[in-house]
PDB file of all heavy atoms in Angstrom:
ATOM      1  N   LYS A   1     -63.333  55.117-106.195  1.00  0.00           N
ATOM      2  CA  LYS A   1     -63.004  56.340-106.946  1.00  0.00           C
ATOM      3  C   LYS A   1     -61.711  56.966-106.430  1.00  0.00           C
ATOM      4  O   LYS A   1     -60.883  57.421-107.217  1.00  0.00           O
ATOM      5  CB  LYS A   1     -64.147  57.347-106.860  1.00  0.00           C
ATOM      6  CG  LYS A   1     -65.320  56.992-107.739  1.00  0.00           C
ATOM      7  CD  LYS A   1     -66.343  58.103-107.787  1.00  0.00           C
ATOM      8  CE  LYS A   1     -67.301  57.976-106.634  1.00  0.00           C
ATOM      9  NZ  LYS A   1     -68.443  58.879-106.715  1.00  0.00           N
ATOM     10  N   PHE A   2     -61.542  56.974-105.112  1.00  0.00           N
ATOM     11  CA  PHE A   2     -60.319  57.518-104.526  1.00  0.00           C
ATOM     12  C   PHE A   2     -59.096  56.793-105.090  1.00  0.00           C
ATOM     13  O   PHE A   2     -58.122  57.418-105.521  1.00  0.00           O
ATOM     14  CB  PHE A   2     -60.357  57.402-102.999  1.00  0.00           C
ATOM     15  CG  PHE A   2     -59.066  57.786-102.333  1.00  0.00           C
ATOM     16  CD1 PHE A   2     -58.744  59.117-102.142  1.00  0.00           C
ATOM     17  CD2 PHE A   2     -58.177  56.810-101.906  1.00  0.00           C
ATOM     18  CE1 PHE A   2     -57.546  59.477-101.544  1.00  0.00           C
ATOM     19  CE2 PHE A   2     -56.980  57.160-101.310  1.00  0.00           C
ATOM     20  CZ  PHE A   2     -56.661  58.497-101.122  1.00  0.00           C
ATOM     21  N   LEU A   3     -59.155  55.479-105.095  1.00  0.00           N
ATOM     22  CA  LEU A   3     -58.038  54.682-105.597  1.00  0.00           C
ATOM     23  C   LEU A   3     -57.849  54.885-107.102  1.00  0.00           C
ATOM     24  O   LEU A   3     -56.716  54.946-107.591  1.00  0.00           O
ATOM     25  CB  LEU A   3     -58.272  53.211-105.272  1.00  0.00           C
ATOM     26  CG  LEU A   3     -57.099  52.257-105.355  1.00  0.00           C
ATOM     27  CD1 LEU A   3     -55.877  52.762-104.614  1.00  0.00           C
ATOM     28  CD2 LEU A   3     -57.510  50.894-104.809  1.00  0.00           C
ATOM     29  N   ALA A   4     -58.936  55.020-107.846  1.00  0.00           N
ATOM     30  CA  ALA A   4     -58.835  55.259-109.291  1.00  0.00           C
ATOM     31  C   ALA A   4     -58.172  56.603-109.578  1.00  0.00           C
ATOM     32  O   ALA A   4     -57.345  56.712-110.489  1.00  0.00           O
ATOM     33  CB  ALA A   4     -60.220  55.196-109.932  1.00  0.00           C
ATOM     34  N   TYR A   5     -58.515  57.632-108.803  1.00  0.00           N
ATOM     35  CA  TYR A   5     -57.863  58.927-108.976  1.00  0.00           C
ATOM     36  C   TYR A   5     -56.373  58.835-108.662  1.00  0.00           C
ATOM     37  O   TYR A   5     -55.540  59.452-109.339  1.00  0.00           O
ATOM     38  CB  TYR A   5     -58.514  59.991-108.085  1.00  0.00           C
ATOM     39  CG  TYR A   5     -59.759  60.599-108.676  1.00  0.00           C
ATOM     40  CD1 TYR A   5     -61.013  60.342-108.137  1.00  0.00           C
ATOM     41  CD2 TYR A   5     -59.691  61.448-109.779  1.00  0.00           C
ATOM     42  CE1 TYR A   5     -62.162  60.899-108.671  1.00  0.00           C
ATOM     43  CE2 TYR A   5     -60.833  62.015-110.323  1.00  0.00           C
ATOM     44  CZ  TYR A   5     -62.057  61.736-109.769  1.00  0.00           C
ATOM     45  OH  TYR A   5     -63.190  62.291-110.305  1.00  0.00           O
ATOM     46  N   LYS A   6     -56.015  58.054-107.658  1.00  0.00           N
ATOM     47  CA  LYS A   6     -54.615  57.863-107.307  1.00  0.00           C
ATOM     48  C   LYS A   6     -53.864  57.184-108.452  1.00  0.00           C
ATOM     49  O   LYS A   6     -52.774  57.613-108.834  1.00  0.00           O
ATOM     50  CB  LYS A   6     -54.514  57.037-106.025  1.00  0.00           C
ATOM     51  CG  LYS A   6     -53.110  56.889-105.497  1.00  0.00           C
ATOM     52  CD  LYS A   6     -53.130  56.223-104.142  1.00  0.00           C
ATOM     53  CE  LYS A   6     -52.729  54.797-104.302  1.00  0.00           C
ATOM     54  NZ  LYS A   6     -52.566  54.074-103.062  1.00  0.00           N
ATOM     55  N   LEU A   7     -54.478  56.148-109.019  1.00  0.00           N
ATOM     56  CA  LEU A   7     -53.853  55.472-110.153  1.00  0.00           C
ATOM     57  C   LEU A   7     -53.733  56.388-111.365  1.00  0.00           C
ATOM     58  O   LEU A   7     -52.760  56.307-112.111  1.00  0.00           O
ATOM     59  CB  LEU A   7     -54.657  54.231-110.542  1.00  0.00           C
ATOM     60  CG  LEU A   7     -54.440  52.990-109.703  1.00  0.00           C
ATOM     61  CD1 LEU A   7     -55.216  51.825-110.297  1.00  0.00           C
ATOM     62  CD2 LEU A   7     -52.984  52.639-109.599  1.00  0.00           C
ATOM     63  N   HIS A   8     -54.717  57.248-111.546  1.00  0.00           N
ATOM     64  CA  HIS A   8     -54.652  58.207-112.655  1.00  0.00           C
ATOM     65  C   HIS A   8     -53.421  59.095-112.488  1.00  0.00           C
ATOM     66  O   HIS A   8     -52.716  59.391-113.458  1.00  0.00           O
ATOM     67  CB  HIS A   8     -55.928  59.045-112.697  1.00  0.00           C
ATOM     68  CG  HIS A   8     -56.015  59.914-113.898  1.00  0.00           C
ATOM     69  ND1 HIS A   8     -55.503  61.189-113.918  1.00  0.00           N
ATOM     70  CD2 HIS A   8     -56.542  59.689-115.124  1.00  0.00           C
ATOM     71  CE1 HIS A   8     -55.706  61.715-115.102  1.00  0.00           C
ATOM     72  NE2 HIS A   8     -56.338  60.827-115.853  1.00  0.00           N
ATOM     73  N   GLY A   9     -53.139  59.497-111.262  1.00  0.00           N
ATOM     74  CA  GLY A   9     -51.943  60.301-110.993  1.00  0.00           C
ATOM     75  C   GLY A   9     -50.667  59.547-111.327  1.00  0.00           C
ATOM     76  O   GLY A   9     -49.726  60.110-111.893  1.00  0.00           O
ATOM     77  N   ILE A  10     -50.613  58.268-111.000  1.00  0.00           N
ATOM     78  CA  ILE A  10     -49.440  57.453-111.321  1.00  0.00           C
ATOM     79  C   ILE A  10     -49.286  57.332-112.830  1.00  0.00           C
ATOM     80  O   ILE A  10     -48.189  57.488-113.372  1.00  0.00           O
ATOM     81  CB  ILE A  10     -49.548  56.058-110.661  1.00  0.00           C
ATOM     82  CG1 ILE A  10     -49.436  56.186-109.142  1.00  0.00           C
ATOM     83  CG2 ILE A  10     -48.469  55.106-111.200  1.00  0.00           C
ATOM     84  CD1 ILE A  10     -49.757  54.919-108.381  1.00  0.00           C
ATOM     85  N   ALA A  11     -50.392  57.070-113.522  1.00  0.00           N
ATOM     86  CA  ALA A  11     -50.343  56.960-114.984  1.00  0.00           C
ATOM     87  C   ALA A  11     -49.873  58.268-115.612  1.00  0.00           C
ATOM     88  O   ALA A  11     -49.093  58.260-116.565  1.00  0.00           O
ATOM     89  CB  ALA A  11     -51.710  56.562-115.532  1.00  0.00           C
ATOM     90  N   THR A  12     -50.319  59.379-115.066  1.00  0.00           N
ATOM     91  CA  THR A  12     -49.907  60.684-115.579  1.00  0.00           C
ATOM     92  C   THR A  12     -48.422  60.924-115.316  1.00  0.00           C
ATOM     93  O   THR A  12     -47.689  61.372-116.195  1.00  0.00           O
ATOM     94  CB  THR A  12     -50.758  61.798-114.944  1.00  0.00           C
ATOM     95  OG1 THR A  12     -52.130  61.548-115.258  1.00  0.00           O
ATOM     96  CG2 THR A  12     -50.358  63.168-115.459  1.00  0.00           C
ATOM     97  N   LEU A  13     -47.968  60.626-114.110  1.00  0.00           N
ATOM     98  CA  LEU A  13     -46.557  60.809-113.756  1.00  0.00           C
ATOM     99  C   LEU A  13     -45.646  60.022-114.685  1.00  0.00           C
ATOM    100  O   LEU A  13     -44.631  60.528-115.152  1.00  0.00           O
ATOM    101  CB  LEU A  13     -46.311  60.380-112.302  1.00  0.00           C
ATOM    102  CG  LEU A  13     -44.855  60.388-111.842  1.00  0.00           C
ATOM    103  CD1 LEU A  13     -44.327  61.819-111.797  1.00  0.00           C
ATOM    104  CD2 LEU A  13     -44.725  59.728-110.485  1.00  0.00           C
ATOM    105  N   PHE A  14     -46.024  58.779-114.978  1.00  0.00           N
ATOM    106  CA  PHE A  14     -45.203  57.926-115.819  1.00  0.00           C
ATOM    107  C   PHE A  14     -45.543  58.065-117.306  1.00  0.00           C
ATOM    108  O   PHE A  14     -45.028  57.315-118.121  1.00  0.00           O
ATOM    109  CB  PHE A  14     -45.319  56.471-115.373  1.00  0.00           C
ATOM    110  CG  PHE A  14     -44.527  56.199-114.122  1.00  0.00           C
ATOM    111  CD1 PHE A  14     -45.097  56.347-112.882  1.00  0.00           C
ATOM    112  CD2 PHE A  14     -43.195  55.822-114.200  1.00  0.00           C
ATOM    113  CE1 PHE A  14     -44.367  56.122-111.731  1.00  0.00           C
ATOM    114  CE2 PHE A  14     -42.455  55.594-113.059  1.00  0.00           C
ATOM    115  CZ  PHE A  14     -43.044  55.742-111.814  1.00  0.00           C
ATOM    116  N   GLN A  15     -46.409  59.007-117.621  1.00  0.00           N
ATOM    117  CA  GLN A  15     -46.793  59.309-119.004  1.00  0.00           C
ATOM    118  C   GLN A  15     -47.313  58.072-119.734  1.00  0.00           C
ATOM    119  O   GLN A  15     -46.991  57.812-120.889  1.00  0.00           O
ATOM    120  CB  GLN A  15     -45.636  59.946-119.757  1.00  0.00           C
ATOM    121  CG  GLN A  15     -45.192  61.254-119.131  1.00  0.00           C
ATOM    122  CD  GLN A  15     -44.002  61.872-119.827  1.00  0.00           C
ATOM    123  OE1 GLN A  15     -43.465  61.327-120.785  1.00  0.00           O
ATOM    124  NE2 GLN A  15     -43.584  63.024-119.343  1.00  0.00           N
ATOM    125  N   ILE A  16     -48.143  57.303-119.035  1.00  0.00           N
ATOM    126  CA  ILE A  16     -48.779  56.130-119.636  1.00  0.00           C
ATOM    127  C   ILE A  16     -50.157  56.607-120.107  1.00  0.00           C
ATOM    128  O   ILE A  16     -51.163  56.440-119.431  1.00  0.00           O
ATOM    129  CB  ILE A  16     -48.895  54.969-118.626  1.00  0.00           C
ATOM    130  CG1 ILE A  16     -47.553  54.700-117.947  1.00  0.00           C
ATOM    131  CG2 ILE A  16     -49.389  53.709-119.335  1.00  0.00           C
ATOM    132  CD1 ILE A  16     -47.630  53.729-116.790  1.00  0.00           C
ATOM    133  N   SER A  17     -50.166  57.235-121.254  1.00  0.00           N
ATOM    134  CA  SER A  17     -51.360  57.945-121.710  1.00  0.00           C
ATOM    135  C   SER A  17     -52.560  57.029-121.937  1.00  0.00           C
ATOM    136  O   SER A  17     -53.697  57.435-121.679  1.00  0.00           O
ATOM    137  CB  SER A  17     -51.057  58.748-122.973  1.00  0.00           C
ATOM    138  OG  SER A  17     -50.588  57.898-123.993  1.00  0.00           O
ATOM    139  N   ASP A  18     -52.328  55.792-122.395  1.00  0.00           N
ATOM    140  CA  ASP A  18     -53.468  54.909-122.621  1.00  0.00           C
ATOM    141  C   ASP A  18     -54.123  54.519-121.294  1.00  0.00           C
ATOM    142  O   ASP A  18     -55.348  54.493-121.188  1.00  0.00           O
ATOM    143  CB  ASP A  18     -53.090  53.675-123.441  1.00  0.00           C
ATOM    144  CG  ASP A  18     -51.934  52.878-122.865  1.00  0.00           C
ATOM    145  OD1 ASP A  18     -51.138  53.419-122.070  1.00  0.00           O
ATOM    146  OD2 ASP A  18     -51.800  51.692-123.227  1.00  0.00           O
ATOM    147  N   PHE A  19     -53.349  54.287-120.256  1.00  0.00           N
ATOM    148  CA  PHE A  19     -53.924  53.968-118.947  1.00  0.00           C
ATOM    149  C   PHE A  19     -54.586  55.195-118.332  1.00  0.00           C
ATOM    150  O   PHE A  19     -55.617  55.090-117.680  1.00  0.00           O
ATOM    151  CB  PHE A  19     -52.873  53.412-117.993  1.00  0.00           C
ATOM    152  CG  PHE A  19     -52.449  52.004-118.298  1.00  0.00           C
ATOM    153  CD1 PHE A  19     -51.431  51.416-117.594  1.00  0.00           C
ATOM    154  CD2 PHE A  19     -53.073  51.256-119.292  1.00  0.00           C
ATOM    155  CE1 PHE A  19     -51.028  50.114-117.859  1.00  0.00           C
ATOM    156  CE2 PHE A  19     -52.675  49.958-119.571  1.00  0.00           C
ATOM    157  CZ  PHE A  19     -51.642  49.390-118.848  1.00  0.00           C
ATOM    158  N   SER A  20     -53.989  56.345-118.553  1.00  0.00           N
ATOM    159  CA  SER A  20     -54.590  57.583-118.052  1.00  0.00           C
ATOM    160  C   SER A  20     -55.968  57.781-118.678  1.00  0.00           C
ATOM    161  O   SER A  20     -56.938  58.108-117.985  1.00  0.00           O
ATOM    162  CB  SER A  20     -53.675  58.767-118.361  1.00  0.00           C
ATOM    163  OG  SER A  20     -54.227  59.958-117.907  1.00  0.00           O
ATOM    164  N   ALA A  21     -56.059  57.554-119.982  1.00  0.00           N
ATOM    165  CA  ALA A  21     -57.340  57.694-120.674  1.00  0.00           C
ATOM    166  C   ALA A  21     -58.339  56.647-120.186  1.00  0.00           C
ATOM    167  O   ALA A  21     -59.527  56.954-119.987  1.00  0.00           O
ATOM    168  CB  ALA A  21     -57.136  57.567-122.189  1.00  0.00           C
ATOM    169  N   MET A  22     -57.875  55.408-119.982  1.00  0.00           N
ATOM    170  CA  MET A  22     -58.762  54.366-119.465  1.00  0.00           C
ATOM    171  C   MET A  22     -59.297  54.738-118.095  1.00  0.00           C
ATOM    172  O   MET A  22     -60.482  54.553-117.812  1.00  0.00           O
ATOM    173  CB  MET A  22     -58.006  53.035-119.337  1.00  0.00           C
ATOM    174  CG  MET A  22     -57.858  52.257-120.567  1.00  0.00           C
ATOM    175  SD  MET A  22     -57.014  50.706-120.088  1.00  0.00           S
ATOM    176  CE  MET A  22     -56.690  50.061-121.680  1.00  0.00           C
ATOM    177  N   LEU A  23     -58.412  55.240-117.247  1.00  0.00           N
ATOM    178  CA  LEU A  23     -58.844  55.600-115.894  1.00  0.00           C
ATOM    179  C   LEU A  23     -59.816  56.770-115.910  1.00  0.00           C
ATOM    180  O   LEU A  23     -60.758  56.796-115.121  1.00  0.00           O
ATOM    181  CB  LEU A  23     -57.629  55.890-115.014  1.00  0.00           C
ATOM    182  CG  LEU A  23     -56.896  54.630-114.569  1.00  0.00           C
ATOM    183  CD1 LEU A  23     -55.469  54.953-114.146  1.00  0.00           C
ATOM    184  CD2 LEU A  23     -57.654  53.935-113.454  1.00  0.00           C
ATOM    185  N   THR A  24     -59.625  57.707-116.799  1.00  0.00           N
ATOM    186  CA  THR A  24     -60.571  58.811-116.930  1.00  0.00           C
ATOM    187  C   THR A  24     -61.951  58.253-117.279  1.00  0.00           C
ATOM    188  O   THR A  24     -62.967  58.636-116.676  1.00  0.00           O
ATOM    189  CB  THR A  24     -60.112  59.809-118.007  1.00  0.00           C
ATOM    190  OG1 THR A  24     -58.871  60.385-117.582  1.00  0.00           O
ATOM    191  CG2 THR A  24     -61.135  60.902-118.233  1.00  0.00           C
ATOM    192  N   ARG A  25     -61.975  57.336-118.218  1.00  0.00           N
ATOM    193  CA  ARG A  25     -63.248  56.715-118.627  1.00  0.00           C
ATOM    194  C   ARG A  25     -63.854  55.910-117.477  1.00  0.00           C
ATOM    195  O   ARG A  25     -65.067  55.965-117.231  1.00  0.00           O
ATOM    196  CB  ARG A  25     -62.994  55.822-119.837  1.00  0.00           C
ATOM    197  CG  ARG A  25     -64.232  55.268-120.445  1.00  0.00           C
ATOM    198  CD  ARG A  25     -63.916  54.584-121.748  1.00  0.00           C
ATOM    199  NE  ARG A  25     -65.115  53.937-122.253  1.00  0.00           N
ATOM    200  CZ  ARG A  25     -65.131  52.843-122.960  1.00  0.00           C
ATOM    201  NH1 ARG A  25     -63.987  52.258-123.287  1.00  0.00           N
ATOM    202  NH2 ARG A  25     -66.254  52.314-123.381  1.00  0.00           N
ATOM    203  N   ILE A  26     -63.023  55.150-116.775  1.00  0.00           N
ATOM    204  CA  ILE A  26     -63.499  54.349-115.644  1.00  0.00           C
ATOM    205  C   ILE A  26     -64.090  55.253-114.565  1.00  0.00           C
ATOM    206  O   ILE A  26     -65.173  54.979-114.028  1.00  0.00           O
ATOM    207  CB  ILE A  26     -62.358  53.477-115.079  1.00  0.00           C
ATOM    208  CG1 ILE A  26     -62.047  52.331-116.060  1.00  0.00           C
ATOM    209  CG2 ILE A  26     -62.704  52.935-113.689  1.00  0.00           C
ATOM    210  CD1 ILE A  26     -60.752  51.581-115.768  1.00  0.00           C
ATOM    211  N   ILE A  27     -63.404  56.336-114.253  1.00  0.00           N
ATOM    212  CA  ILE A  27     -63.886  57.274-113.226  1.00  0.00           C
ATOM    213  C   ILE A  27     -65.219  57.878-113.648  1.00  0.00           C
ATOM    214  O   ILE A  27     -66.143  58.000-112.837  1.00  0.00           O
ATOM    215  CB  ILE A  27     -62.826  58.352-112.930  1.00  0.00           C
ATOM    216  CG1 ILE A  27     -61.626  57.716-112.210  1.00  0.00           C
ATOM    217  CG2 ILE A  27     -63.418  59.491-112.100  1.00  0.00           C
ATOM    218  CD1 ILE A  27     -60.388  58.594-112.157  1.00  0.00           C
ATOM    219  N   GLU A  28     -65.344  58.238-114.925  1.00  0.00           N
ATOM    220  CA  GLU A  28     -66.619  58.779-115.420  1.00  0.00           C
ATOM    221  C   GLU A  28     -67.743  57.758-115.233  1.00  0.00           C
ATOM    222  O   GLU A  28     -68.850  58.118-114.816  1.00  0.00           O
ATOM    223  CB  GLU A  28     -66.493  59.159-116.896  1.00  0.00           C
ATOM    224  CG  GLU A  28     -65.647  60.396-117.131  1.00  0.00           C
ATOM    225  CD  GLU A  28     -65.338  60.638-118.597  1.00  0.00           C
ATOM    226  OE1 GLU A  28     -65.688  59.783-119.453  1.00  0.00           O
ATOM    227  OE2 GLU A  28     -64.725  61.673-118.891  1.00  0.00           O
ATOM    228  N   HIS A  29     -67.465  56.502-115.527  1.00  0.00           N
ATOM    229  CA  HIS A  29     -68.480  55.451-115.357  1.00  0.00           C
ATOM    230  C   HIS A  29     -68.791  55.224-113.876  1.00  0.00           C
ATOM    231  O   HIS A  29     -69.945  54.967-113.522  1.00  0.00           O
ATOM    232  CB  HIS A  29     -68.047  54.145-116.030  1.00  0.00           C
ATOM    233  CG  HIS A  29     -68.280  54.163-117.508  1.00  0.00           C
ATOM    234  ND1 HIS A  29     -69.466  53.743-118.069  1.00  0.00           N
ATOM    235  CD2 HIS A  29     -67.497  54.570-118.532  1.00  0.00           C
ATOM    236  CE1 HIS A  29     -69.390  53.887-119.388  1.00  0.00           C
ATOM    237  NE2 HIS A  29     -68.204  54.387-119.686  1.00  0.00           N
ATOM    238  N   MET A  30     -67.784  55.350-113.027  1.00  0.00           N
ATOM    239  CA  MET A  30     -68.022  55.214-111.590  1.00  0.00           C
ATOM    240  C   MET A  30     -68.929  56.333-111.083  1.00  0.00           C
ATOM    241  O   MET A  30     -69.810  56.087-110.268  1.00  0.00           O
ATOM    242  CB  MET A  30     -66.697  55.245-110.814  1.00  0.00           C
ATOM    243  CG  MET A  30     -65.853  54.033-110.973  1.00  0.00           C
ATOM    244  SD  MET A  30     -64.268  54.345-110.177  1.00  0.00           S
ATOM    245  CE  MET A  30     -63.942  52.751-109.503  1.00  0.00           C
ATOM    246  N   GLU A  31     -68.680  57.529-111.575  1.00  0.00           N
ATOM    247  CA  GLU A  31     -69.493  58.685-111.163  1.00  0.00           C
ATOM    248  C   GLU A  31     -70.963  58.467-111.514  1.00  0.00           C
ATOM    249  O   GLU A  31     -71.845  58.863-110.768  1.00  0.00           O
ATOM    250  CB  GLU A  31     -68.993  59.966-111.832  1.00  0.00           C
ATOM    251  CG  GLU A  31     -67.616  60.421-111.401  1.00  0.00           C
ATOM    252  CD  GLU A  31     -67.589  61.018-110.010  1.00  0.00           C
ATOM    253  OE1 GLU A  31     -68.632  61.450-109.514  1.00  0.00           O
ATOM    254  OE2 GLU A  31     -66.494  61.053-109.423  1.00  0.00           O
ATOM    255  N   ARG A  32     -71.200  57.820-112.657  1.00  0.00           N
ATOM    256  CA  ARG A  32     -72.578  57.553-113.098  1.00  0.00           C
ATOM    257  C   ARG A  32     -73.110  56.228-112.581  1.00  0.00           C
ATOM    258  O   ARG A  32     -74.245  55.859-112.892  1.00  0.00           O
ATOM    259  CB  ARG A  32     -72.631  57.553-114.629  1.00  0.00           C
ATOM    260  CG  ARG A  32     -72.320  58.883-115.252  1.00  0.00           C
ATOM    261  CD  ARG A  32     -72.612  58.883-116.734  1.00  0.00           C
ATOM    262  NE  ARG A  32     -72.092  57.721-117.428  1.00  0.00           N
ATOM    263  CZ  ARG A  32     -71.097  57.741-118.317  1.00  0.00           C
ATOM    264  NH1 ARG A  32     -70.512  58.874-118.605  1.00  0.00           N
ATOM    265  NH2 ARG A  32     -70.706  56.642-118.909  1.00  0.00           N
ATOM    266  N   GLU A  33     -72.261  55.507-111.820  1.00  0.00           N
ATOM    267  CA  GLU A  33     -72.607  54.181-111.317  1.00  0.00           C
ATOM    268  C   GLU A  33     -73.057  53.271-112.464  1.00  0.00           C
ATOM    269  O   GLU A  33     -74.059  52.558-112.370  1.00  0.00           O
ATOM    270  CB  GLU A  33     -73.639  54.273-110.197  1.00  0.00           C
ATOM    271  CG  GLU A  33     -73.107  55.023-109.001  1.00  0.00           C
ATOM    272  CD  GLU A  33     -74.060  55.053-107.822  1.00  0.00           C
ATOM    273  OE1 GLU A  33     -75.016  54.258-107.791  1.00  0.00           O
ATOM    274  OE2 GLU A  33     -73.834  55.884-106.942  1.00  0.00           O
ATOM    275  N   SER A  34     -72.280  53.310-113.517  1.00  0.00           N
ATOM    276  CA  SER A  34     -72.564  52.544-114.729  1.00  0.00           C
ATOM    277  C   SER A  34     -72.291  51.057-114.525  1.00  0.00           C
ATOM    278  O   SER A  34     -71.349  50.670-113.831  1.00  0.00           O
ATOM    279  CB  SER A  34     -71.681  53.068-115.868  1.00  0.00           C
ATOM    280  OG  SER A  34     -71.707  52.204-116.975  1.00  0.00           O
ATOM    281  N   ASP A  35     -73.103  50.251-115.172  1.00  0.00           N
ATOM    282  CA  ASP A  35     -72.904  48.807-115.133  1.00  0.00           C
ATOM    283  C   ASP A  35     -71.670  48.379-115.925  1.00  0.00           C
ATOM    284  O   ASP A  35     -71.231  47.228-115.822  1.00  0.00           O
ATOM    285  CB  ASP A  35     -74.132  48.089-115.696  1.00  0.00           C
ATOM    286  CG  ASP A  35     -75.352  48.237-114.799  1.00  0.00           C
ATOM    287  OD1 ASP A  35     -75.185  48.509-113.593  1.00  0.00           O
ATOM    288  OD2 ASP A  35     -76.477  48.083-115.307  1.00  0.00           O
TER     289      ASP A  35
END
């Protein structure tokens, strides 16, 4: 999760909105420990 949040920051800085959205979704699934 720490690394995913870091990547989310990079995606935001470079305005890569599709990756930012993917990382948000990935982080949400990590929080729920989703399969």
